[in-house]
Each structure stands twice: as C-alpha cells, then as structure tokens.
Amino acid sequence: MDEVKKIVVLDSEIQAELIDSILNDRNIPHVMRTYHDSAYDGLFQAGQGWGHIEAEEKHREEIVTIFKDVKKQSES
C-alpha cells in the first residue's frame, strides 16, 4: 500500500463497521483508526468522533461517496 492519508472522520462504531464491510467487499485497502483511549475511557471520542479511515489518495473519492451514502441512510 502506498502512503495513506486520513480520508473521513467516523461518527460511531456502527458506522465504522458498516463502512469497513463495504470497503472490504469492494477490495479497497484501508485502515480504520479509533480515537478510543482506554486510559481516558473514550473521552476523546465524544469531541472528535469515533475514529477515522485512512487509505491511499486514489481511493478518496469512492470512500467519501460511500461515507456520504451511509450517513444519509442513517439520518433517514
């Protein structure tokens, strides 16, 4: 995998699991990073979001589209 960059910030673990599943199904290489820190019992997740997705820049557009679709469906 080439250099990875932060693509989108995730709102929740459920959202992260759903997007992770979609990206795996589409064979898009990525890394899910959580902001949870056991020393602070997830304190940073309240202000920063659940975590984020890192991937190669060439996958940015597709990942952002997937993220927007998932977010839109969850708000309906």
PDB file of N, CA and C in Angstrom:
ATOM      1  N   MET A   1       0.856  -1.169   0.000  1.00  0.00           N
ATOM      2  CA  MET A   1       0.000   0.000   0.000  1.00  0.00           C
ATOM      3  C   MET A   1       0.902   1.231   0.000  1.00  0.00           C
ATOM      4  N   ASP A   2       0.558   2.196  -0.842  1.00  0.00           N
ATOM      5  CA  ASP A   2       1.289   3.462  -0.879  1.00  0.00           C
ATOM      6  C   ASP A   2       0.973   4.262   0.378  1.00  0.00           C
ATOM      7  N   GLU A   3       1.447   5.513   0.403  1.00  0.00           N
ATOM      8  CA  GLU A   3       1.197   6.379   1.556  1.00  0.00           C
ATOM      9  C   GLU A   3      -0.301   6.535   1.794  1.00  0.00           C
ATOM     10  N   VAL A   4      -0.698   6.383   3.056  1.00  0.00           N
ATOM     11  CA  VAL A   4      -2.114   6.535   3.404  1.00  0.00           C
ATOM     12  C   VAL A   4      -2.340   7.888   4.072  1.00  0.00           C
ATOM     13  N   LYS A   5      -3.549   8.398   3.886  1.00  0.00           N
ATOM     14  CA  LYS A   5      -3.939   9.685   4.470  1.00  0.00           C
ATOM     15  C   LYS A   5      -5.311   9.536   5.103  1.00  0.00           C
ATOM     16  N   LYS A   6      -5.613  10.416   6.052  1.00  0.00           N
ATOM     17  CA  LYS A   6      -6.943  10.427   6.660  1.00  0.00           C
ATOM     18  C   LYS A   6      -7.941  10.868   5.593  1.00  0.00           C
ATOM     19  N   ILE A   7      -8.999  10.062   5.430  1.00  0.00           N
ATOM     20  CA  ILE A   7      -9.998  10.341   4.396  1.00  0.00           C
ATOM     21  C   ILE A   7     -11.261  10.938   5.014  1.00  0.00           C
ATOM     22  N   VAL A   8     -11.863  10.248   5.978  1.00  0.00           N
ATOM     23  CA  VAL A   8     -13.082  10.751   6.620  1.00  0.00           C
ATOM     24  C   VAL A   8     -13.053  10.430   8.111  1.00  0.00           C
ATOM     25  N   VAL A   9     -13.740  11.260   8.893  1.00  0.00           N
ATOM     26  CA  VAL A   9     -13.906  11.028  10.334  1.00  0.00           C
ATOM     27  C   VAL A   9     -15.253  10.340  10.528  1.00  0.00           C
ATOM     28  N   LEU A  10     -15.247   9.278  11.308  1.00  0.00           N
ATOM     29  CA  LEU A  10     -16.438   8.464  11.534  1.00  0.00           C
ATOM     30  C   LEU A  10     -17.153   8.885  12.811  1.00  0.00           C
ATOM     31  N   ASP A  11     -18.480   8.767  12.793  1.00  0.00           N
ATOM     32  CA  ASP A  11     -19.302   9.207  13.919  1.00  0.00           C
ATOM     33  C   ASP A  11     -19.482   8.152  15.002  1.00  0.00           C
ATOM     34  N   SER A  12     -19.523   6.872  14.598  1.00  0.00           N
ATOM     35  CA  SER A  12     -19.837   5.825  15.570  1.00  0.00           C
ATOM     36  C   SER A  12     -19.197   4.495  15.169  1.00  0.00           C
ATOM     37  N   GLU A  13     -19.195   3.568  16.106  1.00  0.00           N
ATOM     38  CA  GLU A  13     -18.654   2.233  15.834  1.00  0.00           C
ATOM     39  C   GLU A  13     -19.517   1.497  14.816  1.00  0.00           C
ATOM     40  N   ILE A  14     -20.815   1.679  14.888  1.00  0.00           N
ATOM     41  CA  ILE A  14     -21.719   1.024  13.941  1.00  0.00           C
ATOM     42  C   ILE A  14     -21.433   1.516  12.525  1.00  0.00           C
ATOM     43  N   GLN A  15     -21.295   2.822  12.372  1.00  0.00           N
ATOM     44  CA  GLN A  15     -20.964   3.409  11.076  1.00  0.00           C
ATOM     45  C   GLN A  15     -19.611   2.859  10.582  1.00  0.00           C
ATOM     46  N   ALA A  16     -18.656   2.766  11.484  1.00  0.00           N
ATOM     47  CA  ALA A  16     -17.328   2.256  11.128  1.00  0.00           C
ATOM     48  C   ALA A  16     -17.408   0.813  10.638  1.00  0.00           C
ATOM     49  N   GLU A  17     -18.165  -0.030  11.338  1.00  0.00           N
ATOM     50  CA  GLU A  17     -18.287  -1.431  10.947  1.00  0.00           C
ATOM     51  C   GLU A  17     -18.974  -1.583   9.597  1.00  0.00           C
ATOM     52  N   LEU A  18     -20.002  -0.790   9.361  1.00  0.00           N
ATOM     53  CA  LEU A  18     -20.721  -0.853   8.087  1.00  0.00           C
ATOM     54  C   LEU A  18     -19.819  -0.424   6.925  1.00  0.00           C
ATOM     55  N   ILE A  19     -19.136   0.700   7.083  1.00  0.00           N
ATOM     56  CA  ILE A  19     -18.252   1.193   6.017  1.00  0.00           C
ATOM     57  C   ILE A  19     -17.077   0.240   5.816  1.00  0.00           C
ATOM     58  N   ASP A  20     -16.538  -0.306   6.899  1.00  0.00           N
ATOM     59  CA  ASP A  20     -15.451  -1.278   6.800  1.00  0.00           C
ATOM     60  C   ASP A  20     -15.894  -2.481   5.963  1.00  0.00           C
ATOM     61  N   SER A  21     -17.097  -2.954   6.191  1.00  0.00           N
ATOM     62  CA  SER A  21     -17.638  -4.091   5.453  1.00  0.00           C
ATOM     63  C   SER A  21     -17.772  -3.769   3.960  1.00  0.00           C
ATOM     64  N   ILE A  22     -18.286  -2.587   3.656  1.00  0.00           N
ATOM     65  CA  ILE A  22     -18.454  -2.170   2.253  1.00  0.00           C
ATOM     66  C   ILE A  22     -17.094  -2.060   1.563  1.00  0.00           C
ATOM     67  N   LEU A  23     -16.132  -1.442   2.241  1.00  0.00           N
ATOM     68  CA  LEU A  23     -14.797  -1.281   1.654  1.00  0.00           C
ATOM     69  C   LEU A  23     -14.131  -2.639   1.435  1.00  0.00           C
ATOM     70  N   ASN A  24     -14.309  -3.553   2.370  1.00  0.00           N
ATOM     71  CA  ASN A  24     -13.760  -4.904   2.204  1.00  0.00           C
ATOM     72  C   ASN A  24     -14.410  -5.618   1.025  1.00  0.00           C
ATOM     73  N   ASP A  25     -15.736  -5.484   0.897  1.00  0.00           N
ATOM     74  CA  ASP A  25     -16.455  -6.104  -0.225  1.00  0.00           C
ATOM     75  C   ASP A  25     -15.957  -5.578  -1.573  1.00  0.00           C
ATOM     76  N   ARG A  26     -15.581  -4.314  -1.602  1.00  0.00           N
ATOM     77  CA  ARG A  26     -15.103  -3.692  -2.847  1.00  0.00           C
ATOM     78  C   ARG A  26     -13.585  -3.781  -3.001  1.00  0.00           C
ATOM     79  N   ASN A  27     -12.940  -4.497  -2.097  1.00  0.00           N
ATOM     80  CA  ASN A  27     -11.483  -4.678  -2.138  1.00  0.00           C
ATOM     81  C   ASN A  27     -10.712  -3.363  -2.150  1.00  0.00           C
ATOM     82  N   ILE A  28     -11.179  -2.410  -1.358  1.00  0.00           N
ATOM     83  CA  ILE A  28     -10.496  -1.124  -1.224  1.00  0.00           C
ATOM     84  C   ILE A  28      -9.628  -1.198   0.028  1.00  0.00           C
ATOM     85  N   PRO A  29      -8.307  -1.163  -0.149  1.00  0.00           N
ATOM     86  CA  PRO A  29      -7.428  -1.235   1.018  1.00  0.00           C
ATOM     87  C   PRO A  29      -7.579   0.004   1.903  1.00  0.00           C
ATOM     88  N   HIS A  30      -7.705  -0.216   3.199  1.00  0.00           N
ATOM     89  CA  HIS A  30      -7.926   0.888   4.134  1.00  0.00           C
ATOM     90  C   HIS A  30      -7.536   0.471   5.545  1.00  0.00           C
ATOM     91  N   VAL A  31      -7.448   1.448   6.416  1.00  0.00           N
ATOM     92  CA  VAL A  31      -7.176   1.215   7.838  1.00  0.00           C
ATOM     93  C   VAL A  31      -8.199   2.012   8.633  1.00  0.00           C
ATOM     94  N   MET A  32      -8.829   1.342   9.599  1.00  0.00           N
ATOM     95  CA  MET A  32      -9.761   2.019  10.491  1.00  0.00           C
ATOM     96  C   MET A  32      -8.997   2.366  11.762  1.00  0.00           C
ATOM     97  N   ARG A  33      -9.040   3.632  12.172  1.00  0.00           N
ATOM     98  CA  ARG A  33      -8.361   4.072  13.397  1.00  0.00           C
ATOM     99  C   ARG A  33      -9.416   4.615  14.357  1.00  0.00           C
ATOM    100  N   THR A  34      -9.424   4.096  15.558  1.00  0.00           N
ATOM    101  CA  THR A  34     -10.344   4.594  16.579  1.00  0.00           C
ATOM    102  C   THR A  34      -9.639   5.645  17.433  1.00  0.00           C
ATOM    103  N   TYR A  35     -10.404   6.572  17.949  1.00  0.00           N
ATOM    104  CA  TYR A  35      -9.861   7.580  18.856  1.00  0.00           C
ATOM    105  C   TYR A  35      -9.998   7.128  20.315  1.00  0.00           C
ATOM    106  N   HIS A  36     -10.500   5.912  20.526  1.00  0.00           N
ATOM    107  CA  HIS A  36     -10.693   5.431  21.889  1.00  0.00           C
ATOM    108  C   HIS A  36      -9.340   5.234  22.563  1.00  0.00           C
ATOM    109  N   ASP A  37      -9.241   5.711  23.759  1.00  0.00           N
ATOM    110  CA  ASP A  37      -8.035   5.551  24.574  1.00  0.00           C
ATOM    111  C   ASP A  37      -8.499   5.010  25.919  1.00  0.00           C
ATOM    112  N   SER A  38      -8.096   3.785  26.229  1.00  0.00           N
ATOM    113  CA  SER A  38      -8.582   3.167  27.458  1.00  0.00           C
ATOM    114  C   SER A  38      -8.179   3.946  28.714  1.00  0.00           C
ATOM    115  N   ALA A  39      -7.079   4.665  28.643  1.00  0.00           N
ATOM    116  CA  ALA A  39      -6.652   5.457  29.806  1.00  0.00           C
ATOM    117  C   ALA A  39      -7.650   6.571  30.126  1.00  0.00           C
ATOM    118  N   TYR A  40      -8.315   7.073  29.093  1.00  0.00           N
ATOM    119  CA  TYR A  40      -9.288   8.158  29.278  1.00  0.00           C
ATOM    120  C   TYR A  40     -10.720   7.691  29.052  1.00  0.00           C
ATOM    121  N   ASP A  41     -10.906   6.368  28.935  1.00  0.00           N
ATOM    122  CA  ASP A  41     -12.223   5.757  28.775  1.00  0.00           C
ATOM    123  C   ASP A  41     -13.033   6.383  27.643  1.00  0.00           C
ATOM    124  N   GLY A  42     -12.401   6.611  26.494  1.00  0.00           N
ATOM    125  CA  GLY A  42     -13.112   7.115  25.328  1.00  0.00           C
ATOM    126  C   GLY A  42     -13.448   8.591  25.369  1.00  0.00           C
ATOM    127  N   LEU A  43     -12.856   9.346  26.265  1.00  0.00           N
ATOM    128  CA  LEU A  43     -13.147  10.772  26.428  1.00  0.00           C
ATOM    129  C   LEU A  43     -13.009  11.535  25.114  1.00  0.00           C
ATOM    130  N   PHE A  44     -11.974  11.227  24.330  1.00  0.00           N
ATOM    131  CA  PHE A  44     -11.723  11.973  23.099  1.00  0.00           C
ATOM    132  C   PHE A  44     -12.740  11.660  22.003  1.00  0.00           C
ATOM    133  N   GLN A  45     -13.381  10.504  22.076  1.00  0.00           N
ATOM    134  CA  GLN A  45     -14.372  10.159  21.064  1.00  0.00           C
ATOM    135  C   GLN A  45     -15.586  11.082  21.126  1.00  0.00           C
ATOM    136  N   ALA A  46     -15.896  11.601  22.279  1.00  0.00           N
ATOM    137  CA  ALA A  46     -17.053  12.486  22.408  1.00  0.00           C
ATOM    138  C   ALA A  46     -16.865  13.770  21.612  1.00  0.00           C
ATOM    139  N   GLY A  47     -15.652  14.269  21.534  1.00  0.00           N
ATOM    140  CA  GLY A  47     -15.408  15.531  20.843  1.00  0.00           C
ATOM    141  C   GLY A  47     -14.848  15.392  19.447  1.00  0.00           C
ATOM    142  N   GLN A  48     -14.201  14.257  19.165  1.00  0.00           N
ATOM    143  CA  GLN A  48     -13.529  14.106  17.873  1.00  0.00           C
ATOM    144  C   GLN A  48     -14.202  13.117  16.939  1.00  0.00           C
ATOM    145  N   GLY A  49     -15.180  12.384  17.389  1.00  0.00           N
ATOM    146  CA  GLY A  49     -15.787  11.332  16.593  1.00  0.00           C
ATOM    147  C   GLY A  49     -15.230   9.981  17.005  1.00  0.00           C
ATOM    148  N   TRP A  50     -15.788   8.918  16.456  1.00  0.00           N
ATOM    149  CA  TRP A  50     -15.372   7.570  16.832  1.00  0.00           C
ATOM    150  C   TRP A  50     -13.938   7.286  16.397  1.00  0.00           C
ATOM    151  N   GLY A  51     -13.598   7.741  15.210  1.00  0.00           N
ATOM    152  CA  GLY A  51     -12.286   7.476  14.639  1.00  0.00           C
ATOM    153  C   GLY A  51     -12.258   7.946  13.191  1.00  0.00           C
ATOM    154  N   HIS A  52     -11.342   7.386  12.405  1.00  0.00           N
ATOM    155  CA  HIS A  52     -11.289   7.789  11.002  1.00  0.00           C
ATOM    156  C   HIS A  52     -10.802   6.652  10.123  1.00  0.00           C
ATOM    157  N   ILE A  53     -10.945   6.852   8.821  1.00  0.00           N
ATOM    158  CA  ILE A  53     -10.469   5.896   7.827  1.00  0.00           C
ATOM    159  C   ILE A  53      -9.234   6.479   7.161  1.00  0.00           C
ATOM    160  N   GLU A  54      -8.208   5.654   7.045  1.00  0.00           N
ATOM    161  CA  GLU A  54      -7.014   6.028   6.300  1.00  0.00           C
ATOM    162  C   GLU A  54      -6.935   5.142   5.061  1.00  0.00           C
ATOM    163  N   ALA A  55      -6.546   5.736   3.938  1.00  0.00           N
ATOM    164  CA  ALA A  55      -6.412   4.986   2.693  1.00  0.00           C
ATOM    165  C   ALA A  55      -5.534   5.781   1.736  1.00  0.00           C
ATOM    166  N   GLU A  56      -5.208   5.140   0.632  1.00  0.00           N
ATOM    167  CA  GLU A  56      -4.448   5.830  -0.402  1.00  0.00           C
ATOM    168  C   GLU A  56      -5.315   6.919  -1.023  1.00  0.00           C
ATOM    169  N   GLU A  57      -4.685   7.975  -1.432  1.00  0.00           N
ATOM    170  CA  GLU A  57      -5.389   9.132  -2.013  1.00  0.00           C
ATOM    171  C   GLU A  57      -6.244   8.729  -3.216  1.00  0.00           C
ATOM    172  N   LYS A  58      -5.805   7.747  -3.983  1.00  0.00           N
ATOM    173  CA  LYS A  58      -6.547   7.358  -5.195  1.00  0.00           C
ATOM    174  C   LYS A  58      -7.925   6.772  -4.865  1.00  0.00           C
ATOM    175  N   HIS A  59      -8.156   6.392  -3.609  1.00  0.00           N
ATOM    176  CA  HIS A  59      -9.460   5.838  -3.203  1.00  0.00           C
ATOM    177  C   HIS A  59     -10.338   6.866  -2.501  1.00  0.00           C
ATOM    178  N   ARG A  60      -9.845   8.091  -2.337  1.00  0.00           N
ATOM    179  CA  ARG A  60     -10.565   9.119  -1.580  1.00  0.00           C
ATOM    180  C   ARG A  60     -11.995   9.320  -2.076  1.00  0.00           C
ATOM    181  N   GLU A  61     -12.172   9.550  -3.353  1.00  0.00           N
ATOM    182  CA  GLU A  61     -13.496   9.887  -3.889  1.00  0.00           C
ATOM    183  C   GLU A  61     -14.506   8.768  -3.622  1.00  0.00           C
ATOM    184  N   GLU A  62     -14.103   7.530  -3.844  1.00  0.00           N
ATOM    185  CA  GLU A  62     -15.017   6.410  -3.634  1.00  0.00           C
ATOM    186  C   GLU A  62     -15.358   6.240  -2.149  1.00  0.00           C
ATOM    187  N   ILE A  63     -14.383   6.397  -1.279  1.00  0.00           N
ATOM    188  CA  ILE A  63     -14.627   6.266   0.164  1.00  0.00           C
ATOM    189  C   ILE A  63     -15.541   7.384   0.663  1.00  0.00           C
ATOM    190  N   VAL A  64     -15.307   8.596   0.208  1.00  0.00           N
ATOM    191  CA  VAL A  64     -16.154   9.725   0.616  1.00  0.00           C
ATOM    192  C   VAL A  64     -17.588   9.503   0.145  1.00  0.00           C
ATOM    193  N   THR A  65     -17.763   9.000  -1.064  1.00  0.00           N
ATOM    194  CA  THR A  65     -19.105   8.715  -1.589  1.00  0.00           C
ATOM    195  C   THR A  65     -19.795   7.659  -0.735  1.00  0.00           C
ATOM    196  N   ILE A  66     -19.079   6.591  -0.394  1.00  0.00           N
ATOM    197  CA  ILE A  66     -19.638   5.536   0.454  1.00  0.00           C
ATOM    198  C   ILE A  66     -20.020   6.116   1.821  1.00  0.00           C
ATOM    199  N   PHE A  67     -19.130   6.917   2.406  1.00  0.00           N
ATOM    200  CA  PHE A  67     -19.393   7.540   3.704  1.00  0.00           C
ATOM    201  C   PHE A  67     -20.658   8.395   3.646  1.00  0.00           C
ATOM    202  N   LYS A  68     -20.780   9.229   2.622  1.00  0.00           N
ATOM    203  CA  LYS A  68     -21.960  10.086   2.499  1.00  0.00           C
ATOM    204  C   LYS A  68     -23.238   9.270   2.349  1.00  0.00           C
ATOM    205  N   ASP A  69     -23.182   8.191   1.562  1.00  0.00           N
ATOM    206  CA  ASP A  69     -24.359   7.327   1.373  1.00  0.00           C
ATOM    207  C   ASP A  69     -24.784   6.677   2.686  1.00  0.00           C
ATOM    208  N   VAL A  70     -23.808   6.178   3.441  1.00  0.00           N
ATOM    209  CA  VAL A  70     -24.115   5.525   4.720  1.00  0.00           C
ATOM    210  C   VAL A  70     -24.678   6.538   5.703  1.00  0.00           C
ATOM    211  N   LYS A  71     -24.075   7.721   5.748  1.00  0.00           N
ATOM    212  CA  LYS A  71     -24.538   8.769   6.669  1.00  0.00           C
ATOM    213  C   LYS A  71     -25.963   9.207   6.306  1.00  0.00           C
ATOM    214  N   LYS A  72     -26.230   9.346   5.019  1.00  0.00           N
ATOM    215  CA  LYS A  72     -27.562   9.765   4.550  1.00  0.00           C
ATOM    216  C   LYS A  72     -28.610   8.719   4.934  1.00  0.00           C
ATOM    217  N   GLN A  73     -28.282   7.438   4.766  1.00  0.00           N
ATOM    218  CA  GLN A  73     -29.218   6.367   5.115  1.00  0.00           C
ATOM    219  C   GLN A  73     -29.497   6.326   6.620  1.00  0.00           C
ATOM    220  N   SER A  74     -28.490   6.607   7.414  1.00  0.00           N
ATOM    221  CA  SER A  74     -28.674   6.561   8.876  1.00  0.00           C
ATOM    222  C   SER A  74     -29.499   7.733   9.386  1.00  0.00           C
ATOM    223  N   GLU A  75     -29.516   8.822   8.616  1.00  0.00           N
ATOM    224  CA  GLU A  75     -30.284  10.004   9.030  1.00  0.00           C
ATOM    225  C   GLU A  75     -31.738   9.922   8.608  1.00  0.00           C
ATOM    226  N   SER A  76     -32.065   8.977   7.717  1.00  0.00           N
ATOM    227  CA  SER A  76     -33.444   8.863   7.228  1.00  0.00           C
ATOM    228  C   SER A  76     -34.327   8.155   8.222  1.00  0.00           C
TER     229      SER A  76
END
